């Protein structure tokens, strides 16, 4: 009987889930709008039903051996989602592991935030395979991070360590959704680069294909395509983003001394436009002890369902002590 784990990612828009084998093959997957259900218990009922349907769809006989969750403000220690801004309609504290025990009393349930799940996914199935010291930086709407030290995720005292997106890189700078000013994610993220483009458009009178796009319609993908077309504002926006991100990564290296830093998320689809300035400024600001030693790599999971794989990897790592052999 084939052993599978469930990998689940709860996003503000959609919840995606799948059944994954030990080799990282997604045997079946599904999704539904997260806020389709106004009560958390109804959400869990729908999720469990979806997992049951997936298991029935797998052609060979299978056994579910664990459940992994990637979720905003997921607490690894308590098994709860705590104070997630996008999920407050369900309550401030959501006891995920406790509630699922009613459906799966014998199965381990592991939960953490999406960036931590991405880091374990990269370690088992992606660019960090075989590494024991690395960081994953997710460049989406915001900036998340998963930091792995000596083969284990850095959780800290309360499970919320690794909020790299909320280090201050510009005192009294841009307002952040966290309530502070000058956080890294306000400069180095999909939403951050949109803000940068509009600042550049306001300061420069030159031609740009981005001028005709309203702030609410402009996306990081549009900026990437403009950069590929040679648009000077788009290229400068990526250079500006890489400056902030690269300088911050140099500081991260000084604290964690990783073998590699892996970038993933929508902003990385810009390729060289984000990787080259980021690496340039990381190296320029690196303590000489680490110059030329730390690799800056793209995710190897972005063309797969990284959210499902990362969440499933959390469980496989827990179930298999010698996970390096996977």
C-alpha atoms as a PDB file:
ATOM      1  CA  UNK A   1       0.000   0.000   0.000  1.00  0.00           C
ATOM      2  CA  UNK A   2       1.433   3.363  -1.055  1.00  0.00           C
ATOM      3  CA  UNK A   3       2.073   5.782   1.801  1.00  0.00           C
ATOM      4  CA  UNK A   4       1.034   9.383   1.130  1.00  0.00           C
ATOM      5  CA  UNK A   5       0.912  12.615   3.082  1.00  0.00           C
ATOM      6  CA  UNK A   6      -1.433  15.537   2.576  1.00  0.00           C
ATOM      7  CA  UNK A   7       0.114  18.899   1.804  1.00  0.00           C
ATOM      8  CA  UNK A   8      -2.183  21.885   2.357  1.00  0.00           C
ATOM      9  CA  UNK A   9      -1.575  25.586   1.802  1.00  0.00           C
ATOM     10  CA  UNK A  10      -4.132  28.040   3.159  1.00  0.00           C
ATOM     11  CA  UNK A  11      -3.907  31.285   1.238  1.00  0.00           C
ATOM     12  CA  UNK A  12      -5.922  34.430   1.603  1.00  0.00           C
ATOM     13  CA  UNK A  13      -7.537  33.725  -1.787  1.00  0.00           C
ATOM     14  CA  UNK A  14      -7.353  29.972  -2.371  1.00  0.00           C
ATOM     15  CA  UNK A  15      -6.615  26.842  -0.387  1.00  0.00           C
ATOM     16  CA  UNK A  16      -4.652  24.257  -2.371  1.00  0.00           C
ATOM     17  CA  UNK A  17      -4.103  20.676  -1.263  1.00  0.00           C
ATOM     18  CA  UNK A  18      -2.647  17.469  -2.585  1.00  0.00           C
ATOM     19  CA  UNK A  19      -1.424  13.964  -1.798  1.00  0.00           C
ATOM     20  CA  UNK A  20       2.335  13.546  -2.089  1.00  0.00           C
ATOM     21  CA  UNK A  21       4.524  10.442  -1.962  1.00  0.00           C
ATOM     22  CA  UNK A  22       7.942  10.175  -0.364  1.00  0.00           C
ATOM     23  CA  UNK A  23       9.706  11.098  -3.614  1.00  0.00           C
ATOM     24  CA  UNK A  24       7.817  14.365  -3.980  1.00  0.00           C
ATOM     25  CA  UNK A  25       5.396  13.177  -6.628  1.00  0.00           C
ATOM     26  CA  UNK A  26       1.986  14.834  -6.319  1.00  0.00           C
ATOM     27  CA  UNK A  27      -0.454  11.976  -6.847  1.00  0.00           C
ATOM     28  CA  UNK A  28      -3.598  14.141  -6.838  1.00  0.00           C
ATOM     29  CA  UNK A  29      -4.441  17.752  -6.035  1.00  0.00           C
ATOM     30  CA  UNK A  30      -7.341  20.156  -5.674  1.00  0.00           C
ATOM     31  CA  UNK A  31      -8.284  23.648  -4.522  1.00  0.00           C
ATOM     32  CA  UNK A  32     -11.176  25.874  -3.505  1.00  0.00           C
ATOM     33  CA  UNK A  33     -11.648  29.534  -2.518  1.00  0.00           C
ATOM     34  CA  UNK A  34     -10.600  29.924   1.116  1.00  0.00           C
ATOM     35  CA  UNK A  35     -13.386  32.319   2.037  1.00  0.00           C
ATOM     36  CA  UNK A  36     -16.079  30.170   0.451  1.00  0.00           C
ATOM     37  CA  UNK A  37     -16.799  29.079   4.025  1.00  0.00           C
ATOM     38  CA  UNK A  38     -17.546  31.710   6.663  1.00  0.00           C
ATOM     39  CA  UNK A  39     -16.904  29.342   9.572  1.00  0.00           C
ATOM     40  CA  UNK A  40     -13.651  27.509  10.237  1.00  0.00           C
ATOM     41  CA  UNK A  41     -15.390  24.212  11.068  1.00  0.00           C
ATOM     42  CA  UNK A  42     -17.160  24.267   7.689  1.00  0.00           C
ATOM     43  CA  UNK A  43     -13.850  25.002   5.988  1.00  0.00           C
ATOM     44  CA  UNK A  44     -12.265  21.955   7.645  1.00  0.00           C
ATOM     45  CA  UNK A  45     -15.215  19.741   6.693  1.00  0.00           C
ATOM     46  CA  UNK A  46     -14.804  20.747   3.054  1.00  0.00           C
ATOM     47  CA  UNK A  47     -11.065  20.196   3.215  1.00  0.00           C
ATOM     48  CA  UNK A  48     -11.374  16.713   4.722  1.00  0.00           C
ATOM     49  CA  UNK A  49     -13.988  15.817   2.115  1.00  0.00           C
ATOM     50  CA  UNK A  50     -11.630  17.051  -0.622  1.00  0.00           C
ATOM     51  CA  UNK A  51      -8.788  14.912   0.737  1.00  0.00           C
ATOM     52  CA  UNK A  52     -11.050  11.859   0.830  1.00  0.00           C
ATOM     53  CA  UNK A  53     -11.997  12.403  -2.808  1.00  0.00           C
ATOM     54  CA  UNK A  54      -8.333  12.734  -3.759  1.00  0.00           C
ATOM     55  CA  UNK A  55      -7.459   9.506  -1.990  1.00  0.00           C
ATOM     56  CA  UNK A  56     -10.268   7.719  -3.832  1.00  0.00           C
ATOM     57  CA  UNK A  57      -8.917   9.075  -7.139  1.00  0.00           C
ATOM     58  CA  UNK A  58      -5.448   7.589  -6.643  1.00  0.00           C
ATOM     59  CA  UNK A  59      -5.393   4.443  -8.768  1.00  0.00           C
ATOM     60  CA  UNK A  60      -3.316   2.293  -6.428  1.00  0.00           C
ATOM     61  CA  UNK A  61      -4.297   1.547  -2.835  1.00  0.00           C
ATOM     62  CA  UNK A  62      -2.940   4.249  -0.544  1.00  0.00           C
ATOM     63  CA  UNK A  63      -2.605   5.087   3.130  1.00  0.00           C
ATOM     64  CA  UNK A  64      -2.624   8.639   4.492  1.00  0.00           C
ATOM     65  CA  UNK A  65       0.194   8.911   7.029  1.00  0.00           C
ATOM     66  CA  UNK A  66       0.255  12.613   7.971  1.00  0.00           C
ATOM     67  CA  UNK A  67      -0.975  16.098   7.211  1.00  0.00           C
ATOM     68  CA  UNK A  68       1.129  19.204   6.649  1.00  0.00           C
ATOM     69  CA  UNK A  69      -0.163  22.784   6.646  1.00  0.00           C
ATOM     70  CA  UNK A  70       1.438  25.931   5.332  1.00  0.00           C
ATOM     71  CA  UNK A  71      -0.554  28.895   6.590  1.00  0.00           C
ATOM     72  CA  UNK A  72      -0.090  32.537   7.523  1.00  0.00           C
ATOM     73  CA  UNK A  73       0.932  32.778  11.190  1.00  0.00           C
ATOM     74  CA  UNK A  74       1.014  28.979  11.509  1.00  0.00           C
ATOM     75  CA  UNK A  75       2.554  28.058  14.879  1.00  0.00           C
ATOM     76  CA  UNK A  76       4.673  24.893  14.678  1.00  0.00           C
ATOM     77  CA  UNK A  77       4.679  24.451  18.447  1.00  0.00           C
ATOM     78  CA  UNK A  78       0.960  24.833  19.133  1.00  0.00           C
ATOM     79  CA  UNK A  79      -0.536  23.512  15.893  1.00  0.00           C
ATOM     80  CA  UNK A  80      -2.626  26.661  15.582  1.00  0.00           C
ATOM     81  CA  UNK A  81      -3.007  29.601  13.216  1.00  0.00           C
ATOM     82  CA  UNK A  82      -2.637  32.669  15.394  1.00  0.00           C
ATOM     83  CA  UNK A  83      -3.790  36.202  14.513  1.00  0.00           C
ATOM     84  CA  UNK A  84      -3.654  35.803  10.725  1.00  0.00           C
ATOM     85  CA  UNK A  85      -4.936  39.069   9.261  1.00  0.00           C
ATOM     86  CA  UNK A  86      -6.563  37.460   6.200  1.00  0.00           C
ATOM     87  CA  UNK A  87      -8.363  34.783   8.249  1.00  0.00           C
ATOM     88  CA  UNK A  88      -9.761  36.866  11.112  1.00  0.00           C
ATOM     89  CA  UNK A  89     -13.328  36.228   9.963  1.00  0.00           C
ATOM     90  CA  UNK A  90     -12.830  32.731  11.448  1.00  0.00           C
ATOM     91  CA  UNK A  91     -11.347  33.965  14.716  1.00  0.00           C
ATOM     92  CA  UNK A  92      -8.050  35.139  16.158  1.00  0.00           C
ATOM     93  CA  UNK A  93      -6.764  31.653  17.061  1.00  0.00           C
ATOM     94  CA  UNK A  94      -7.620  28.609  14.918  1.00  0.00           C
ATOM     95  CA  UNK A  95      -6.746  25.227  16.513  1.00  0.00           C
ATOM     96  CA  UNK A  96      -5.975  23.369  13.291  1.00  0.00           C
ATOM     97  CA  UNK A  97      -4.260  20.290  14.753  1.00  0.00           C
ATOM     98  CA  UNK A  98      -6.848  19.898  17.522  1.00  0.00           C
ATOM     99  CA  UNK A  99      -9.794  20.151  15.136  1.00  0.00           C
ATOM    100  CA  UNK A 100      -8.277  17.716  12.626  1.00  0.00           C
ATOM    101  CA  UNK A 101      -7.741  15.153  15.386  1.00  0.00           C
ATOM    102  CA  UNK A 102     -11.504  14.569  15.279  1.00  0.00           C
ATOM    103  CA  UNK A 103     -11.133  13.365  11.674  1.00  0.00           C
ATOM    104  CA  UNK A 104      -7.663  11.814  11.799  1.00  0.00           C
ATOM    105  CA  UNK A 105      -6.971  10.850  15.437  1.00  0.00           C
ATOM    106  CA  UNK A 106      -3.885   8.765  14.660  1.00  0.00           C
ATOM    107  CA  UNK A 107      -2.120  11.070  12.205  1.00  0.00           C
ATOM    108  CA  UNK A 108       0.545  13.685  12.903  1.00  0.00           C
ATOM    109  CA  UNK A 109      -0.501  17.191  11.879  1.00  0.00           C
ATOM    110  CA  UNK A 110       2.327  19.680  11.287  1.00  0.00           C
ATOM    111  CA  UNK A 111       1.771  23.377  10.666  1.00  0.00           C
ATOM    112  CA  UNK A 112       4.025  26.344   9.968  1.00  0.00           C
ATOM    113  CA  UNK A 113       4.020  29.432   7.767  1.00  0.00           C
ATOM    114  CA  UNK A 114       4.301  29.171   3.990  1.00  0.00           C
ATOM    115  CA  UNK A 115       7.921  30.362   3.806  1.00  0.00           C
ATOM    116  CA  UNK A 116       9.076  27.736   6.310  1.00  0.00           C
ATOM    117  CA  UNK A 117       7.185  25.085   4.364  1.00  0.00           C
ATOM    118  CA  UNK A 118       8.879  26.282   1.167  1.00  0.00           C
ATOM    119  CA  UNK A 119      12.287  25.904   2.834  1.00  0.00           C
ATOM    120  CA  UNK A 120      11.650  22.272   3.779  1.00  0.00           C
ATOM    121  CA  UNK A 121      10.254  21.645   0.303  1.00  0.00           C
ATOM    122  CA  UNK A 122      13.464  22.972  -1.255  1.00  0.00           C
ATOM    123  CA  UNK A 123      15.551  20.830   1.120  1.00  0.00           C
ATOM    124  CA  UNK A 124      13.787  17.582   0.276  1.00  0.00           C
ATOM    125  CA  UNK A 125      12.841  18.120  -3.350  1.00  0.00           C
ATOM    126  CA  UNK A 126      14.418  21.301  -4.721  1.00  0.00           C
ATOM    127  CA  UNK A 127      17.440  23.570  -4.940  1.00  0.00           C
ATOM    128  CA  UNK A 128      18.590  22.912  -1.349  1.00  0.00           C
ATOM    129  CA  UNK A 129      18.651  19.131  -1.598  1.00  0.00           C
ATOM    130  CA  UNK A 130      21.662  17.924   0.399  1.00  0.00           C
ATOM    131  CA  UNK A 131      22.167  21.285   2.136  1.00  0.00           C
ATOM    132  CA  UNK A 132      21.937  21.779   5.895  1.00  0.00           C
ATOM    133  CA  UNK A 133      22.435  25.558   6.098  1.00  0.00           C
ATOM    134  CA  UNK A 134      20.456  27.780   3.759  1.00  0.00           C
ATOM    135  CA  UNK A 135      17.641  30.308   3.610  1.00  0.00           C
ATOM    136  CA  UNK A 136      14.605  30.566   1.351  1.00  0.00           C
ATOM    137  CA  UNK A 137      13.243  34.031   0.611  1.00  0.00           C
ATOM    138  CA  UNK A 138       9.736  34.200  -0.848  1.00  0.00           C
ATOM    139  CA  UNK A 139       9.105  37.292  -2.950  1.00  0.00           C
ATOM    140  CA  UNK A 140       5.351  37.448  -3.324  1.00  0.00           C
ATOM    141  CA  UNK A 141       2.882  40.121  -2.282  1.00  0.00           C
ATOM    142  CA  UNK A 142       5.061  40.391   0.804  1.00  0.00           C
ATOM    143  CA  UNK A 143       8.476  38.946   1.691  1.00  0.00           C
ATOM    144  CA  UNK A 144       8.715  35.746   3.714  1.00  0.00           C
ATOM    145  CA  UNK A 145      11.688  33.698   4.826  1.00  0.00           C
ATOM    146  CA  UNK A 146      12.521  30.205   5.981  1.00  0.00           C
ATOM    147  CA  UNK A 147      15.916  29.836   7.643  1.00  0.00           C
ATOM    148  CA  UNK A 148      17.486  26.381   8.007  1.00  0.00           C
ATOM    149  CA  UNK A 149      20.442  25.931  10.383  1.00  0.00           C
ATOM    150  CA  UNK A 150      22.180  22.570  10.771  1.00  0.00           C
ATOM    151  CA  UNK A 151      19.316  20.831   8.988  1.00  0.00           C
ATOM    152  CA  UNK A 152      16.500  22.263  11.089  1.00  0.00           C
ATOM    153  CA  UNK A 153      14.177  25.192  10.613  1.00  0.00           C
ATOM    154  CA  UNK A 154      14.791  28.168  12.852  1.00  0.00           C
ATOM    155  CA  UNK A 155      11.562  28.608  14.825  1.00  0.00           C
ATOM    156  CA  UNK A 156      12.750  30.573  17.835  1.00  0.00           C
ATOM    157  CA  UNK A 157      11.054  30.676  21.227  1.00  0.00           C
ATOM    158  CA  UNK A 158       7.502  31.140  19.924  1.00  0.00           C
ATOM    159  CA  UNK A 159       7.655  29.530  16.442  1.00  0.00           C
ATOM    160  CA  UNK A 160       7.608  32.890  14.647  1.00  0.00           C
ATOM    161  CA  UNK A 161      11.338  33.429  14.091  1.00  0.00           C
ATOM    162  CA  UNK A 162      12.486  34.417  10.620  1.00  0.00           C
ATOM    163  CA  UNK A 163      10.410  37.500   9.828  1.00  0.00           C
ATOM    164  CA  UNK A 164      13.126  38.763   7.496  1.00  0.00           C
ATOM    165  CA  UNK A 165      10.614  40.851   5.558  1.00  0.00           C
ATOM    166  CA  UNK A 166      10.159  43.030   8.613  1.00  0.00           C
ATOM    167  CA  UNK A 167      13.707  44.113   9.280  1.00  0.00           C
ATOM    168  CA  UNK A 168      14.048  47.890   8.934  1.00  0.00           C
ATOM    169  CA  UNK A 169      16.067  48.835   5.854  1.00  0.00           C
ATOM    170  CA  UNK A 170      15.005  52.478   5.604  1.00  0.00           C
ATOM    171  CA  UNK A 171      14.292  54.260   8.908  1.00  0.00           C
ATOM    172  CA  UNK A 172      11.132  56.370   8.586  1.00  0.00           C
ATOM    173  CA  UNK A 173      10.661  54.881   5.120  1.00  0.00           C
ATOM    174  CA  UNK A 174       7.598  53.372   3.478  1.00  0.00           C
ATOM    175  CA  UNK A 175       4.611  52.430   5.628  1.00  0.00           C
ATOM    176  CA  UNK A 176       4.247  48.676   6.069  1.00  0.00           C
ATOM    177  CA  UNK A 177       1.149  46.615   6.706  1.00  0.00           C
ATOM    178  CA  UNK A 178       2.696  45.534  10.022  1.00  0.00           C
ATOM    179  CA  UNK A 179       2.329  49.107  11.300  1.00  0.00           C
ATOM    180  CA  UNK A 180       5.996  50.091  11.114  1.00  0.00           C
ATOM    181  CA  UNK A 181       7.962  52.058   8.538  1.00  0.00           C
ATOM    182  CA  UNK A 182      10.814  51.031   6.276  1.00  0.00           C
ATOM    183  CA  UNK A 183      10.421  47.241   6.373  1.00  0.00           C
ATOM    184  CA  UNK A 184      12.294  45.281   3.713  1.00  0.00           C
ATOM    185  CA  UNK A 185       9.094  43.884   2.169  1.00  0.00           C
ATOM    186  CA  UNK A 186       7.884  47.402   1.325  1.00  0.00           C
ATOM    187  CA  UNK A 187      10.844  47.602  -1.103  1.00  0.00           C
ATOM    188  CA  UNK A 188      11.590  43.979  -2.066  1.00  0.00           C
ATOM    189  CA  UNK A 189       8.311  42.264  -2.956  1.00  0.00           C
ATOM    190  CA  UNK A 190       5.731  42.286  -5.733  1.00  0.00           C
ATOM    191  CA  UNK A 191       3.825  45.069  -4.003  1.00  0.00           C
ATOM    192  CA  UNK A 192       7.059  46.877  -3.173  1.00  0.00           C
ATOM    193  CA  UNK A 193       8.273  47.055  -6.764  1.00  0.00           C
ATOM    194  CA  UNK A 194       4.909  48.503  -7.840  1.00  0.00           C
ATOM    195  CA  UNK A 195       5.441  51.292  -5.309  1.00  0.00           C
ATOM    196  CA  UNK A 196       8.968  51.780  -6.636  1.00  0.00           C
ATOM    197  CA  UNK A 197       7.755  52.093 -10.228  1.00  0.00           C
ATOM    198  CA  UNK A 198       5.299  54.816  -9.295  1.00  0.00           C
ATOM    199  CA  UNK A 199       7.963  56.700  -7.380  1.00  0.00           C
ATOM    200  CA  UNK A 200      10.233  56.538 -10.432  1.00  0.00           C
ATOM    201  CA  UNK A 201       7.432  57.578 -12.774  1.00  0.00           C
ATOM    202  CA  UNK A 202       6.784  60.611 -10.582  1.00  0.00           C
ATOM    203  CA  UNK A 203      10.472  61.587 -10.572  1.00  0.00           C
ATOM    204  CA  UNK A 204      11.275  61.028 -14.280  1.00  0.00           C
ATOM    205  CA  UNK A 205       9.639  62.453 -17.371  1.00  0.00           C
ATOM    206  CA  UNK A 206      11.076  59.942 -19.853  1.00  0.00           C
ATOM    207  CA  UNK A 207       9.030  57.500 -21.896  1.00  0.00           C
ATOM    208  CA  UNK A 208       7.802  54.274 -20.297  1.00  0.00           C
ATOM    209  CA  UNK A 209       5.116  51.783 -21.266  1.00  0.00           C
ATOM    210  CA  UNK A 210       4.166  51.647 -17.597  1.00  0.00           C
ATOM    211  CA  UNK A 211       2.856  55.203 -17.550  1.00  0.00           C
ATOM    212  CA  UNK A 212      -0.473  54.180 -19.030  1.00  0.00           C
ATOM    213  CA  UNK A 213      -1.210  51.603 -16.309  1.00  0.00           C
ATOM    214  CA  UNK A 214      -3.037  52.617 -13.132  1.00  0.00           C
ATOM    215  CA  UNK A 215      -1.559  51.814  -9.743  1.00  0.00           C
ATOM    216  CA  UNK A 216      -4.304  49.301  -8.921  1.00  0.00           C
ATOM    217  CA  UNK A 217      -3.817  47.452 -12.213  1.00  0.00           C
ATOM    218  CA  UNK A 218      -0.013  47.376 -12.301  1.00  0.00           C
ATOM    219  CA  UNK A 219       1.566  44.018 -11.356  1.00  0.00           C
ATOM    220  CA  UNK A 220       5.058  42.627 -10.925  1.00  0.00           C
ATOM    221  CA  UNK A 221       4.535  40.479 -14.037  1.00  0.00           C
ATOM    222  CA  UNK A 222       3.795  43.615 -16.086  1.00  0.00           C
ATOM    223  CA  UNK A 223       6.977  45.214 -14.768  1.00  0.00           C
ATOM    224  CA  UNK A 224       8.968  42.074 -15.661  1.00  0.00           C
ATOM    225  CA  UNK A 225       7.631  42.105 -19.212  1.00  0.00           C
ATOM    226  CA  UNK A 226       8.404  45.801 -19.533  1.00  0.00           C
ATOM    227  CA  UNK A 227      11.979  45.162 -18.381  1.00  0.00           C
ATOM    228  CA  UNK A 228      12.332  42.439 -21.015  1.00  0.00           C
ATOM    229  CA  UNK A 229      11.159  45.021 -23.578  1.00  0.00           C
ATOM    230  CA  UNK A 230      13.947  47.370 -22.468  1.00  0.00           C
ATOM    231  CA  UNK A 231      11.735  49.785 -20.524  1.00  0.00           C
ATOM    232  CA  UNK A 232      14.129  52.018 -18.529  1.00  0.00           C
ATOM    233  CA  UNK A 233      11.749  52.575 -15.609  1.00  0.00           C
ATOM    234  CA  UNK A 234      11.129  48.835 -15.188  1.00  0.00           C
ATOM    235  CA  UNK A 235      14.850  48.037 -15.348  1.00  0.00           C
ATOM    236  CA  UNK A 236      15.638  50.771 -12.828  1.00  0.00           C
ATOM    237  CA  UNK A 237      12.874  49.497 -10.528  1.00  0.00           C
ATOM    238  CA  UNK A 238      14.461  46.047 -10.453  1.00  0.00           C
ATOM    239  CA  UNK A 239      17.875  47.585  -9.835  1.00  0.00           C
ATOM    240  CA  UNK A 240      16.418  49.534  -6.915  1.00  0.00           C
ATOM    241  CA  UNK A 241      14.735  46.392  -5.552  1.00  0.00           C
ATOM    242  CA  UNK A 242      17.961  44.390  -5.881  1.00  0.00           C
ATOM    243  CA  UNK A 243      19.880  47.053  -3.982  1.00  0.00           C
ATOM    244  CA  UNK A 244      17.638  46.799  -0.914  1.00  0.00           C
ATOM    245  CA  UNK A 245      17.356  43.021  -1.077  1.00  0.00           C
ATOM    246  CA  UNK A 246      21.057  42.420  -1.717  1.00  0.00           C
ATOM    247  CA  UNK A 247      22.193  44.642   1.153  1.00  0.00           C
ATOM    248  CA  UNK A 248      19.763  42.911   3.512  1.00  0.00           C
ATOM    249  CA  UNK A 249      20.900  39.450   2.381  1.00  0.00           C
ATOM    250  CA  UNK A 250      24.494  40.380   3.159  1.00  0.00           C
ATOM    251  CA  UNK A 251      23.380  41.040   6.739  1.00  0.00           C
ATOM    252  CA  UNK A 252      21.504  37.729   6.828  1.00  0.00           C
ATOM    253  CA  UNK A 253      24.689  35.938   5.758  1.00  0.00           C
ATOM    254  CA  UNK A 254      26.590  37.546   8.633  1.00  0.00           C
ATOM    255  CA  UNK A 255      24.142  35.984  11.083  1.00  0.00           C
ATOM    256  CA  UNK A 256      23.436  32.556   9.557  1.00  0.00           C
ATOM    257  CA  UNK A 257      26.474  31.802   7.299  1.00  0.00           C
ATOM    258  CA  UNK A 258      24.398  29.782   4.791  1.00  0.00           C
ATOM    259  CA  UNK A 259      25.637  27.687   1.898  1.00  0.00           C
ATOM    260  CA  UNK A 260      22.997  29.275  -0.320  1.00  0.00           C
ATOM    261  CA  UNK A 261      20.077  31.659  -0.408  1.00  0.00           C
ATOM    262  CA  UNK A 262      17.171  30.559  -2.585  1.00  0.00           C
ATOM    263  CA  UNK A 263      14.720  33.069  -4.032  1.00  0.00           C
ATOM    264  CA  UNK A 264      11.208  31.981  -4.967  1.00  0.00           C
ATOM    265  CA  UNK A 265       7.862  33.570  -5.698  1.00  0.00           C
ATOM    266  CA  UNK A 266       6.375  35.679  -8.466  1.00  0.00           C
ATOM    267  CA  UNK A 267       9.013  38.409  -8.439  1.00  0.00           C
ATOM    268  CA  UNK A 268      11.743  35.890  -9.333  1.00  0.00           C
ATOM    269  CA  UNK A 269      10.080  35.269 -12.709  1.00  0.00           C
ATOM    270  CA  UNK A 270      11.931  38.386 -13.817  1.00  0.00           C
ATOM    271  CA  UNK A 271      15.111  36.284 -13.907  1.00  0.00           C
ATOM    272  CA  UNK A 272      18.299  38.265 -14.418  1.00  0.00           C
ATOM    273  CA  UNK A 273      16.566  41.574 -13.759  1.00  0.00           C
ATOM    274  CA  UNK A 274      16.136  40.665 -10.095  1.00  0.00           C
ATOM    275  CA  UNK A 275      18.942  38.129  -9.578  1.00  0.00           C
ATOM    276  CA  UNK A 276      21.825  40.159 -11.025  1.00  0.00           C
ATOM    277  CA  UNK A 277      21.384  43.386  -9.011  1.00  0.00           C
ATOM    278  CA  UNK A 278      20.556  41.398  -5.873  1.00  0.00           C
ATOM    279  CA  UNK A 279      23.733  39.318  -6.118  1.00  0.00           C
ATOM    280  CA  UNK A 280      25.811  42.390  -7.016  1.00  0.00           C
ATOM    281  CA  UNK A 281      24.701  44.287  -3.904  1.00  0.00           C
ATOM    282  CA  UNK A 282      24.871  41.214  -1.689  1.00  0.00           C
ATOM    283  CA  UNK A 283      28.501  40.686  -2.641  1.00  0.00           C
ATOM    284  CA  UNK A 284      29.359  44.396  -2.438  1.00  0.00           C
ATOM    285  CA  UNK A 285      28.065  44.551   1.144  1.00  0.00           C
ATOM    286  CA  UNK A 286      29.261  41.131   2.290  1.00  0.00           C
ATOM    287  CA  UNK A 287      31.762  40.781   5.105  1.00  0.00           C
ATOM    288  CA  UNK A 288      34.996  39.603   3.455  1.00  0.00           C
ATOM    289  CA  UNK A 289      34.793  36.322   5.370  1.00  0.00           C
ATOM    290  CA  UNK A 290      31.910  35.190   3.133  1.00  0.00           C
ATOM    291  CA  UNK A 291      32.602  36.958  -0.177  1.00  0.00           C
ATOM    292  CA  UNK A 292      32.220  34.567  -3.097  1.00  0.00           C
ATOM    293  CA  UNK A 293      31.063  31.716  -0.852  1.00  0.00           C
ATOM    294  CA  UNK A 294      27.267  32.065  -0.764  1.00  0.00           C
ATOM    295  CA  UNK A 295      25.215  30.992  -3.770  1.00  0.00           C
ATOM    296  CA  UNK A 296      22.089  32.888  -4.824  1.00  0.00           C
ATOM    297  CA  UNK A 297      19.788  30.364  -6.476  1.00  0.00           C
ATOM    298  CA  UNK A 298      16.306  30.236  -8.012  1.00  0.00           C
ATOM    299  CA  UNK A 299      13.764  27.806  -6.604  1.00  0.00           C
ATOM    300  CA  UNK A 300      13.511  24.421  -8.284  1.00  0.00           C
ATOM    301  CA  UNK A 301       9.885  24.073  -7.204  1.00  0.00           C
ATOM    302  CA  UNK A 302       8.344  27.117  -8.885  1.00  0.00           C
ATOM    303  CA  UNK A 303       7.271  25.113 -11.926  1.00  0.00           C
ATOM    304  CA  UNK A 304       5.547  22.571  -9.651  1.00  0.00           C
ATOM    305  CA  UNK A 305       2.968  23.110  -6.920  1.00  0.00           C
ATOM    306  CA  UNK A 306       5.499  24.439  -4.430  1.00  0.00           C
ATOM    307  CA  UNK A 307       2.882  25.181  -1.770  1.00  0.00           C
ATOM    308  CA  UNK A 308       1.631  21.583  -1.703  1.00  0.00           C
ATOM    309  CA  UNK A 309       5.118  20.081  -1.884  1.00  0.00           C
ATOM    310  CA  UNK A 310       6.444  22.301   0.877  1.00  0.00           C
ATOM    311  CA  UNK A 311       3.564  21.496   3.216  1.00  0.00           C
ATOM    312  CA  UNK A 312       3.893  17.768   2.509  1.00  0.00           C
ATOM    313  CA  UNK A 313       7.645  17.922   3.057  1.00  0.00           C
ATOM    314  CA  UNK A 314       7.032  19.132   6.614  1.00  0.00           C
ATOM    315  CA  UNK A 315       5.409  15.801   7.385  1.00  0.00           C
ATOM    316  CA  UNK A 316       7.911  13.631   5.546  1.00  0.00           C
ATOM    317  CA  UNK A 317      10.731  15.350   7.424  1.00  0.00           C
ATOM    318  CA  UNK A 318       8.986  14.559  10.696  1.00  0.00           C
ATOM    319  CA  UNK A 319       8.204  10.961   9.747  1.00  0.00           C
ATOM    320  CA  UNK A 320      11.610  10.051   8.379  1.00  0.00           C
ATOM    321  CA  UNK A 321      14.581  10.624  10.642  1.00  0.00           C
ATOM    322  CA  UNK A 322      17.172  10.131   7.932  1.00  0.00           C
ATOM    323  CA  UNK A 323      15.457  12.528   5.500  1.00  0.00           C
ATOM    324  CA  UNK A 324      18.738  13.204   3.666  1.00  0.00           C
ATOM    325  CA  UNK A 325      18.361   9.820   1.980  1.00  0.00           C
ATOM    326  CA  UNK A 326      15.110  10.825   0.247  1.00  0.00           C
END
